[in-house]
Amino acid sequence: MILHVCSLQGVNCDVPDGVVYTDLHKTAQKGDELVLKCQFYGTPIAVYWKKGHDPTNSPNLITWVEGESASGSCVHDESCKMNATFSLIIRNITVSDQGSYICRVSNYKGILIHNFTEVSVFAPPMEPFPLIDECPGKLPNDAEQTCSLSTANSIIITCSASSYFPDIDLFFLHESKRMGATTIKEVANMDGTKNKSIFTLAEPSESPYVCVASDIPGSQDQRTVTVTVTFLGSTVAMTTSSNQTTLPPNQRGDVAKVGKVSFFELWYLVNNMDQTNLNILRDVLVDLVIPVVNEELTKKEAYDLLCHWKDANTLDNEGMMLKSVLNGYGLEHSWKEMCERRHDTTSTVSEELFDHVLRSIGCETKICQFIRELITEEPKTPPNVSGNRRDVTEESMVVLREWRDREQTVSQIIQICLALERAKCQPEDRTFFKATLYPIIAAPLGVRAIIFG
């Protein structure tokens, strides 16, 4: 039974006639129960709780009419109810419950009056947080986390927090200085909370890298996690006061371990994707801080944008950066296929392709530089750098044939692509493998328009 407000002991009945008193603002943690007051003078004919900004047209959550039981959408699903003092009680509050609430009253004179309450919802991140994604395992909430990662040159490290709302600040400190993030990724969950990851490039150092979480919803404190980056050893280990885990180093086929990604591998990555994965790749490109990415992305546009990103990246961290972002968007299989392509040595390069590359380079000095970048050991027959272009091309063909017939551990097409890049042979380093003059199918992976013997 709904009681008259002014007949209740302990309730403030000093409400002027013709007005509604409500809380101006209420804040609740996700999962809590929230009570919104509605006070007015006299005995009402009807009371309506609405969500929105329009007292007339906003949908009713609860409707109470004198002599009838309360009804409404949230009464039916039991997400809220109205108590004896006409207060709205929201059970198990969620992020979607945030917003403006209206208590609208048809008073004892039949006049409609109303007032608003603004409701804010917050959700602390899921424990434990923050986390270094490259560190194995999850730790007890009270454990002091110290993670050690090994690398030959540099490594992308990722700090994350999940299931928070509305916002959180994550940043890395190194030697007490705030570092810039190479990439920041924030995604929304189905329940309205968010997940955030920041990526930064870390060099081996005696000083640890500290990820700081600040502006934490519902807290004035900061939280930290520490990672130390050391020169490459036999293991990657994480230790805590009560826990130690050891992982093997990266496997041979991981391009991230090498650092540089060839233009051919970027082309192969894009052209092996169906339209669904190509749509996901658009978000990857945005995360790589590529300035302009069209909503409808073609494979040609995607490859051109990846080339732009590679040209702009002056550090040898392309592999690790690309792997981190691809994995973050669920494209691990695309990364794996690209790695497998690097170590496919079953296909050899045809003389037609060698000839195409040399003719495209044209300049005798550039040809010799390309040969030196491709073949790091001293070749049996060095190219003739003192002759004319024809002589240099012929001598280079001899050297390239000898190189092709040796045992290889990396795909020949990728070695050529990287050598062209190091020799600054543009645009050959990103176009030679797309030649369509020789429509030969690459074995065994079936990529067309690559010139293989």
Protein backbone atom coordinates (compact mmCIF):
# COMPACT_ATOMS: atom_id res chain seq x y z
CA MET A 1 0.00 0.00 0.00
CA ILE A 2 1.34 3.49 -0.93
CA LEU A 3 1.16 5.89 2.06
CA HIS A 4 0.66 9.62 1.97
CA VAL A 5 4.08 11.26 2.15
CA CYS A 6 3.15 13.76 4.87
CA SER A 7 1.65 11.04 7.08
CA LEU A 8 4.99 9.25 7.34
CA GLN A 9 6.99 9.81 10.52
CA GLY A 10 10.47 11.17 9.89
CA VAL A 11 9.75 12.35 6.33
CA ASN A 12 10.33 16.04 5.56
CA CYS A 13 6.89 17.42 4.87
CA ASP A 14 7.99 21.01 4.39
CA VAL A 15 7.63 20.76 0.60
CA PRO A 16 5.91 23.79 -0.95
CA ASP A 17 2.72 23.18 -2.81
CA GLY A 18 3.19 22.75 -6.55
CA VAL A 19 6.83 21.59 -6.58
CA VAL A 20 8.73 18.28 -6.54
CA TYR A 21 11.91 17.71 -4.55
CA THR A 22 14.42 15.21 -5.97
CA ASP A 23 18.14 14.59 -5.59
CA LEU A 24 20.04 16.85 -7.96
CA HIS A 25 22.73 14.23 -8.63
CA LYS A 26 23.37 10.65 -7.52
CA THR A 27 26.42 8.44 -8.12
CA ALA A 28 26.52 4.65 -7.84
CA GLN A 29 28.99 1.85 -8.49
CA LYS A 30 28.03 -0.71 -11.10
CA GLY A 31 26.16 -3.55 -9.38
CA ASP A 32 24.89 -1.44 -6.45
CA GLU A 33 21.28 -0.64 -5.50
CA LEU A 34 20.37 3.02 -5.96
CA VAL A 35 17.48 4.95 -4.34
CA LEU A 36 16.13 8.15 -6.00
CA LYS A 37 13.87 10.29 -3.80
CA CYS A 38 10.68 12.04 -4.95
CA GLN A 39 8.95 14.39 -2.44
CA PHE A 40 5.97 16.68 -2.91
CA TYR A 41 3.05 18.23 -1.03
CA GLY A 42 -0.20 16.38 -0.44
CA THR A 43 -1.65 13.13 -1.70
CA PRO A 44 -0.92 12.40 -5.38
CA ILE A 45 -3.34 11.10 -7.95
CA ALA A 46 -0.50 9.48 -9.94
CA VAL A 47 3.28 9.24 -9.90
CA TYR A 48 5.46 8.45 -12.93
CA TRP A 49 9.18 7.70 -13.01
CA LYS A 50 10.72 8.29 -16.42
CA LYS A 51 14.20 8.11 -17.95
CA GLY A 52 15.16 10.93 -20.29
CA HIS A 53 14.96 14.70 -20.57
CA ASP A 54 11.37 15.19 -21.75
CA PRO A 55 8.76 14.99 -18.96
CA THR A 56 6.00 14.40 -21.51
CA ASN A 57 7.48 12.04 -24.08
CA SER A 58 10.23 10.16 -22.20
CA PRO A 59 9.23 6.51 -21.64
CA ASN A 60 7.76 5.47 -18.30
CA LEU A 61 9.79 3.13 -16.10
CA ILE A 62 7.08 2.93 -13.43
CA THR A 63 3.52 4.22 -13.34
CA TRP A 64 1.50 4.37 -10.09
CA VAL A 65 -2.12 5.47 -10.15
CA GLU A 66 -4.15 5.79 -6.97
CA GLY A 67 -6.03 2.58 -6.28
CA GLU A 68 -3.90 0.50 -8.68
CA SER A 69 -0.68 -1.50 -8.45
CA ALA A 70 2.53 -0.02 -9.88
CA SER A 71 3.29 -1.08 -13.47
CA GLY A 72 5.93 -0.39 -16.06
CA SER A 73 8.86 -1.83 -18.00
CA CYS A 74 11.28 -2.09 -15.09
CA VAL A 75 8.60 -3.55 -12.81
CA HIS A 76 8.10 -6.36 -15.29
CA ASP A 77 11.81 -7.29 -15.48
CA GLU A 78 12.30 -6.52 -11.75
CA SER A 79 15.21 -4.16 -12.45
CA CYS A 80 13.51 -1.44 -10.38
CA LYS A 81 10.59 -0.77 -8.08
CA MET A 82 8.81 2.10 -6.28
CA ASN A 83 8.69 2.11 -2.47
CA ALA A 84 6.06 3.49 -0.09
CA THR A 85 7.50 7.03 -0.28
CA PHE A 86 7.44 7.04 -4.10
CA SER A 87 11.23 6.70 -4.30
CA LEU A 88 12.59 4.78 -7.30
CA ILE A 89 14.86 1.84 -6.37
CA ILE A 90 17.16 0.63 -9.16
CA ARG A 91 18.52 -2.86 -8.53
CA ASN A 92 21.96 -4.05 -9.73
CA ILE A 93 22.65 -0.78 -11.53
CA THR A 94 24.45 -0.96 -14.88
CA VAL A 95 26.29 1.49 -17.10
CA SER A 96 23.22 1.76 -19.31
CA ASP A 97 21.25 3.06 -16.29
CA GLN A 98 23.30 6.27 -16.31
CA GLY A 99 21.35 9.36 -17.37
CA SER A 100 18.52 11.70 -16.38
CA TYR A 101 15.53 10.47 -14.36
CA ILE A 102 12.24 12.35 -14.01
CA CYS A 103 9.77 12.07 -11.18
CA ARG A 104 6.46 13.36 -12.60
CA VAL A 105 3.54 13.79 -10.24
CA SER A 106 -0.15 14.44 -10.77
CA ASN A 107 -0.78 16.18 -7.44
CA TYR A 108 -3.91 16.37 -5.33
CA LYS A 109 -5.22 19.13 -7.61
CA GLY A 110 -4.58 17.06 -10.74
CA ILE A 111 -1.75 19.37 -11.82
CA LEU A 112 1.32 17.72 -13.40
CA ILE A 113 4.60 18.74 -11.76
CA HIS A 114 8.09 17.21 -12.06
CA ASN A 115 11.80 17.38 -11.27
CA PHE A 116 15.00 15.68 -12.40
CA THR A 117 17.85 13.60 -10.94
CA GLU A 118 21.06 13.07 -12.87
CA VAL A 119 22.53 9.60 -12.25
CA SER A 120 26.21 8.76 -12.82
CA VAL A 121 27.56 5.21 -12.79
CA PHE A 122 31.17 4.17 -12.35
CA ALA A 123 32.95 0.82 -12.52
CA PRO A 124 36.48 0.19 -11.17
CA PRO A 125 38.67 -1.92 -13.47
CA MET A 126 38.63 -5.68 -13.10
CA GLU A 127 41.29 -6.94 -10.67
CA PRO A 128 44.19 -7.24 -11.00
CA PHE A 129 45.08 -4.03 -12.80
CA PRO A 130 47.04 -2.62 -14.49
CA LEU A 131 48.53 -5.60 -16.32
CA ILE A 132 51.53 -5.99 -18.62
CA ASP A 133 50.07 -8.14 -21.41
CA GLU A 134 53.43 -9.65 -22.37
CA CYS A 135 53.84 -11.05 -18.85
CA PRO A 136 52.38 -14.55 -18.37
CA GLY A 137 49.67 -15.34 -15.89
CA LYS A 138 47.45 -13.29 -13.60
CA LEU A 139 48.48 -12.48 -10.07
CA PRO A 140 46.68 -12.27 -6.74
CA ASN A 141 45.35 -8.79 -6.07
CA ASP A 142 47.86 -8.09 -3.29
CA ALA A 143 50.93 -9.49 -5.10
CA GLU A 144 53.71 -7.15 -6.14
CA GLN A 145 54.22 -7.79 -9.84
CA THR A 146 57.70 -7.69 -11.36
CA CYS A 147 58.03 -8.94 -14.90
CA SER A 148 61.26 -9.41 -16.86
CA LEU A 149 61.27 -9.56 -20.66
CA SER A 150 64.25 -10.28 -22.90
CA THR A 151 64.90 -8.86 -26.36
CA ALA A 152 67.77 -8.56 -28.82
CA ASN A 153 67.11 -4.86 -29.54
CA SER A 154 63.73 -3.39 -28.61
CA ILE A 155 60.26 -4.63 -27.73
CA ILE A 156 56.71 -3.29 -27.69
CA ILE A 157 55.24 -3.54 -24.18
CA THR A 158 51.53 -3.28 -23.50
CA CYS A 159 49.77 -2.09 -20.36
CA SER A 160 46.04 -2.69 -19.97
CA ALA A 161 42.99 -2.32 -17.76
CA SER A 162 39.58 -3.85 -18.42
CA SER A 163 35.89 -3.50 -17.54
CA TYR A 164 36.08 0.07 -16.21
CA PHE A 165 33.79 3.07 -16.65
CA PRO A 166 33.84 5.89 -17.54
CA ASP A 167 37.58 6.55 -18.02
CA ILE A 168 41.04 5.69 -16.76
CA ASP A 169 44.49 7.12 -17.48
CA LEU A 170 47.32 4.69 -18.29
CA PHE A 171 50.89 5.78 -18.95
CA PHE A 172 54.45 4.46 -18.74
CA LEU A 173 57.27 5.95 -16.65
CA HIS A 174 60.95 5.25 -17.32
CA GLU A 175 63.64 6.79 -15.16
CA SER A 176 60.91 8.97 -13.59
CA LYS A 177 59.97 10.45 -16.98
CA ARG A 178 56.60 9.98 -18.61
CA MET A 179 56.85 8.13 -21.93
CA GLY A 180 54.71 8.70 -24.98
CA ALA A 181 52.54 5.80 -26.12
CA THR A 182 53.07 4.57 -29.68
CA THR A 183 49.45 3.41 -29.77
CA ILE A 184 46.41 3.75 -27.50
CA LYS A 185 43.48 1.40 -27.97
CA GLU A 186 40.13 1.67 -26.16
CA VAL A 187 37.18 -0.60 -26.94
CA ALA A 188 33.68 -0.87 -25.47
CA ASN A 189 32.29 -4.08 -23.97
CA MET A 190 28.75 -5.35 -24.35
CA ASP A 191 27.83 -4.11 -20.84
CA GLY A 192 29.03 -0.57 -21.60
CA THR A 193 32.32 -0.84 -19.72
CA LYS A 194 35.62 -0.30 -21.52
CA ASN A 195 38.98 -1.98 -22.03
CA LYS A 196 42.10 0.11 -22.60
CA SER A 197 45.59 -0.80 -23.78
CA ILE A 198 48.62 1.41 -24.33
CA PHE A 199 51.70 0.34 -26.30
CA THR A 200 55.21 1.76 -26.03
CA LEU A 201 58.62 0.88 -27.40
CA ALA A 202 61.06 -0.29 -24.71
CA GLU A 203 64.83 -0.69 -25.06
CA PRO A 204 66.90 -2.97 -22.79
CA SER A 205 67.68 -0.97 -19.64
CA GLU A 206 68.72 -1.41 -16.04
CA SER A 207 65.89 0.94 -15.06
CA PRO A 208 62.43 -0.66 -14.99
CA TYR A 209 59.44 0.52 -16.99
CA VAL A 210 56.48 1.37 -14.74
CA CYS A 211 52.89 1.42 -15.97
CA VAL A 212 50.75 3.78 -13.90
CA ALA A 213 46.96 3.68 -13.68
CA SER A 214 45.50 6.98 -12.46
CA ASP A 215 42.10 8.69 -12.49
CA ILE A 216 40.70 5.30 -11.49
CA PRO A 217 36.89 5.27 -11.29
CA GLY A 218 35.82 5.33 -7.65
CA SER A 219 39.34 5.87 -6.26
CA GLN A 220 41.78 8.68 -5.60
CA ASP A 221 44.76 6.32 -5.58
CA GLN A 222 47.18 5.22 -8.28
CA ARG A 223 48.13 1.65 -9.15
CA THR A 224 51.38 0.52 -10.78
CA VAL A 225 52.99 -2.51 -12.39
CA THR A 226 56.69 -2.84 -13.24
CA VAL A 227 58.45 -4.54 -16.15
CA THR A 228 62.20 -4.81 -16.73
CA VAL A 229 63.56 -5.21 -20.26
CA THR A 230 66.89 -7.04 -20.53
CA PHE A 231 69.08 -8.23 -23.37
CA LEU A 232 67.98 -11.50 -24.96
CA GLY A 233 68.55 -14.54 -22.76
CA SER A 234 67.25 -18.08 -22.74
CA THR A 235 63.93 -17.36 -21.02
CA VAL A 236 61.28 -14.77 -20.44
CA ALA A 237 60.34 -14.85 -16.76
CA MET A 238 57.90 -13.18 -14.41
CA THR A 239 58.42 -13.32 -10.66
CA THR A 240 56.32 -12.14 -7.75
CA SER A 241 56.63 -12.47 -4.03
CA SER A 242 54.68 -15.73 -4.26
CA ASN A 243 54.77 -16.76 -7.89
CA GLN A 244 57.29 -17.47 -10.66
CA THR A 245 56.59 -18.46 -14.24
CA THR A 246 58.97 -19.13 -17.11
CA LEU A 247 58.16 -19.02 -20.81
CA PRO A 248 60.31 -20.03 -23.79
CA PRO A 249 61.57 -17.26 -26.09
CA ASN A 250 59.89 -16.46 -29.41
CA GLN A 251 59.82 -19.23 -31.94
CA ARG A 252 61.92 -19.15 -35.07
CA GLY A 253 59.04 -18.30 -37.35
CA ASP A 254 58.01 -15.08 -35.58
CA VAL A 255 58.74 -12.01 -37.70
CA ALA A 256 58.53 -9.90 -34.52
CA LYS A 257 61.80 -11.48 -33.38
CA VAL A 258 63.49 -10.24 -36.58
CA GLY A 259 62.11 -6.73 -36.27
CA LYS A 260 61.73 -5.58 -39.88
CA VAL A 261 58.75 -6.55 -42.02
CA SER A 262 59.23 -6.58 -45.78
CA PHE A 263 56.88 -4.82 -48.18
CA PHE A 264 56.13 -8.22 -49.71
CA GLU A 265 54.92 -9.52 -46.34
CA LEU A 266 52.60 -6.52 -45.97
CA TRP A 267 51.27 -7.16 -49.48
CA TYR A 268 50.85 -10.85 -48.71
CA LEU A 269 49.06 -10.05 -45.43
CA VAL A 270 46.49 -7.85 -47.17
CA ASN A 271 45.92 -10.03 -50.23
CA ASN A 272 45.31 -13.15 -48.13
CA MET A 273 42.38 -11.50 -46.31
CA ASP A 274 38.70 -11.90 -47.07
CA GLN A 275 36.39 -8.89 -46.83
CA THR A 276 35.53 -9.57 -43.17
CA ASN A 277 39.16 -9.49 -42.08
CA LEU A 278 39.82 -6.53 -44.37
CA ASN A 279 37.14 -4.61 -42.45
CA ILE A 280 38.88 -5.52 -39.19
CA LEU A 281 42.20 -4.44 -40.72
CA ARG A 282 40.77 -0.94 -41.04
CA ASP A 283 40.73 -0.68 -37.22
CA VAL A 284 44.29 -2.03 -37.13
CA LEU A 285 45.38 0.76 -39.48
CA VAL A 286 43.72 3.37 -37.27
CA ASP A 287 45.53 1.95 -34.23
CA LEU A 288 48.82 2.22 -36.12
CA VAL A 289 48.12 5.98 -36.19
CA ILE A 290 47.69 6.10 -39.95
CA PRO A 291 46.09 9.51 -40.58
CA VAL A 292 43.38 8.84 -43.20
CA VAL A 293 41.60 5.50 -43.47
CA ASN A 294 38.46 5.23 -45.60
CA GLU A 295 35.37 3.50 -44.24
CA GLU A 296 35.27 1.20 -47.30
CA LEU A 297 38.81 -0.15 -47.62
CA THR A 298 40.14 -1.93 -50.73
CA LYS A 299 43.16 -4.23 -50.69
CA LYS A 300 45.15 -1.73 -52.75
CA GLU A 301 44.33 1.09 -50.34
CA ALA A 302 45.20 -1.10 -47.35
CA TYR A 303 48.59 -2.02 -48.83
CA ASP A 304 49.37 1.60 -49.73
CA LEU A 305 48.54 2.70 -46.16
CA LEU A 306 50.73 -0.03 -44.66
CA CYS A 307 53.58 1.11 -46.93
CA HIS A 308 53.06 4.65 -45.66
CA TRP A 309 53.19 3.38 -42.06
CA LYS A 310 56.37 1.42 -42.76
CA ASP A 311 58.04 4.43 -44.40
CA ALA A 312 57.17 6.60 -41.39
CA ASN A 313 58.48 4.09 -38.85
CA THR A 314 62.22 4.67 -38.44
CA LEU A 315 62.78 2.05 -35.71
CA ASP A 316 63.38 -1.69 -36.11
CA ASN A 317 60.18 -2.55 -34.23
CA GLU A 318 57.78 -3.04 -37.12
CA GLY A 319 57.29 -6.74 -36.47
CA MET A 320 56.50 -6.41 -32.77
CA MET A 321 54.23 -3.41 -33.28
CA LEU A 322 52.27 -5.05 -36.11
CA LYS A 323 51.96 -8.32 -34.21
CA SER A 324 50.64 -6.57 -31.08
CA VAL A 325 47.93 -4.68 -32.96
CA LEU A 326 46.88 -7.61 -35.18
CA ASN A 327 46.61 -9.90 -32.17
CA GLY A 328 44.64 -7.22 -30.33
CA TYR A 329 41.97 -7.35 -33.04
CA GLY A 330 41.83 -11.15 -33.28
CA LEU A 331 43.92 -11.46 -36.48
CA GLU A 332 46.45 -13.90 -34.98
CA HIS A 333 45.87 -16.30 -37.86
CA SER A 334 46.84 -13.61 -40.40
CA TRP A 335 50.05 -12.94 -38.48
CA LYS A 336 50.81 -16.65 -38.30
CA GLU A 337 50.31 -17.11 -42.05
CA MET A 338 52.65 -14.20 -42.73
CA CYS A 339 55.31 -15.74 -40.46
CA GLU A 340 54.97 -19.07 -42.22
CA ARG A 341 55.47 -17.34 -45.55
CA ARG A 342 58.80 -15.88 -44.39
CA HIS A 343 60.26 -19.34 -43.73
CA ASP A 344 58.81 -21.06 -46.80
CA THR A 345 61.96 -21.97 -48.74
CA THR A 346 60.34 -24.47 -51.11
CA SER A 347 60.05 -21.88 -53.91
CA THR A 348 63.02 -20.34 -55.70
CA VAL A 349 63.18 -17.16 -57.72
CA SER A 350 63.24 -17.40 -61.52
CA GLU A 351 65.83 -15.73 -63.74
CA GLU A 352 62.99 -13.71 -65.27
CA LEU A 353 62.39 -12.11 -61.89
CA PHE A 354 66.11 -11.41 -61.38
CA ASP A 355 66.21 -9.76 -64.79
CA HIS A 356 63.06 -7.76 -64.01
CA VAL A 357 64.54 -6.50 -60.71
CA LEU A 358 67.89 -5.51 -62.24
CA ARG A 359 66.28 -3.73 -65.18
CA SER A 360 63.89 -1.90 -62.85
CA ILE A 361 66.79 -0.66 -60.70
CA GLY A 362 68.68 0.46 -63.82
CA CYS A 363 71.50 2.38 -62.13
CA GLU A 364 74.78 0.39 -62.01
CA THR A 365 75.69 1.78 -58.56
CA LYS A 366 72.26 0.88 -57.16
CA ILE A 367 72.52 -2.63 -58.61
CA CYS A 368 75.84 -3.20 -56.87
CA GLN A 369 74.44 -1.82 -53.60
CA PHE A 370 71.48 -4.20 -53.89
CA ILE A 371 73.81 -7.17 -54.43
CA ARG A 372 75.88 -6.21 -51.39
CA GLU A 373 72.75 -5.92 -49.22
CA LEU A 374 71.39 -9.25 -50.47
CA ILE A 375 74.59 -11.27 -50.16
CA THR A 376 76.35 -10.37 -46.95
CA GLU A 377 79.13 -12.92 -47.40
CA GLU A 378 81.71 -12.36 -50.16
CA PRO A 379 80.32 -13.75 -53.46
CA LYS A 380 82.48 -16.03 -55.58
CA THR A 381 81.95 -13.82 -58.63
CA PRO A 382 81.62 -10.16 -57.62
CA PRO A 383 79.64 -7.91 -59.96
CA ASN A 384 81.64 -5.86 -62.43
CA VAL A 385 81.21 -2.29 -61.18
CA SER A 386 83.55 -0.75 -63.74
CA GLY A 387 81.79 -1.87 -66.90
CA ASN A 388 78.71 -0.57 -68.62
CA ARG A 389 75.14 -1.33 -67.51
CA ARG A 390 74.96 -4.49 -69.61
CA ASP A 391 78.16 -5.87 -68.12
CA VAL A 392 77.06 -5.11 -64.57
CA THR A 393 73.69 -6.78 -65.20
CA GLU A 394 75.29 -9.91 -66.65
CA GLU A 395 77.80 -10.23 -63.81
CA SER A 396 75.04 -9.65 -61.28
CA MET A 397 72.96 -12.42 -62.85
CA VAL A 398 75.85 -14.84 -62.32
CA VAL A 399 76.08 -13.88 -58.64
CA LEU A 400 72.31 -14.09 -58.18
CA ARG A 401 72.14 -17.57 -59.72
CA GLU A 402 74.80 -18.79 -57.31
CA TRP A 403 72.95 -17.22 -54.39
CA ARG A 404 69.61 -18.72 -55.47
CA ASP A 405 71.02 -22.26 -55.56
CA ARG A 406 72.37 -22.12 -52.00
CA GLU A 407 70.49 -23.54 -49.03
CA GLN A 408 68.21 -20.84 -47.62
CA THR A 409 66.46 -20.37 -44.27
CA VAL A 410 64.29 -17.39 -45.30
CA SER A 411 62.07 -17.00 -48.36
CA GLN A 412 64.13 -15.71 -51.28
CA ILE A 413 61.44 -13.24 -52.33
CA ILE A 414 61.48 -11.68 -48.84
CA GLN A 415 65.29 -11.52 -48.77
CA ILE A 416 65.26 -9.67 -52.11
CA CYS A 417 62.56 -7.30 -50.85
CA LEU A 418 64.50 -6.41 -47.69
CA ALA A 419 67.75 -6.00 -49.64
CA LEU A 420 66.06 -3.58 -52.04
CA GLU A 421 64.75 -1.61 -49.09
CA ARG A 422 68.18 -1.39 -47.44
CA ALA A 423 69.71 -0.35 -50.77
CA LYS A 424 67.04 2.39 -51.00
CA CYS A 425 65.78 1.10 -54.35
CA GLN A 426 62.37 2.73 -54.56
CA PRO A 427 59.75 1.97 -55.70
CA GLU A 428 61.17 -1.44 -56.66
CA ASP A 429 61.25 -2.57 -53.01
CA ARG A 430 57.45 -2.46 -52.84
CA THR A 431 56.39 -3.21 -56.42
CA PHE A 432 58.71 -5.77 -58.05
CA PHE A 433 56.76 -8.77 -56.76
CA LYS A 434 53.51 -7.45 -58.24
CA ALA A 435 54.77 -7.72 -61.83
CA THR A 436 52.20 -9.37 -64.09
CA LEU A 437 54.44 -9.92 -67.13
CA TYR A 438 55.11 -13.48 -65.97
CA PRO A 439 51.83 -15.03 -64.71
CA ILE A 440 53.51 -17.84 -62.78
CA ILE A 441 51.87 -19.19 -59.61
CA ALA A 442 53.96 -19.23 -56.46
CA ALA A 443 54.23 -22.65 -54.88
CA PRO A 444 53.00 -23.88 -52.50
CA LEU A 445 50.83 -21.06 -51.12
CA GLY A 446 49.07 -20.14 -54.36
CA VAL A 447 49.64 -16.38 -54.52
CA ARG A 448 49.39 -15.24 -58.13
CA ALA A 449 51.45 -12.64 -59.98
CA ILE A 450 54.68 -13.58 -58.19
CA ILE A 451 57.54 -14.60 -60.43
CA PHE A 452 58.94 -17.92 -59.29
CA GLY A 453 60.77 -20.62 -61.18
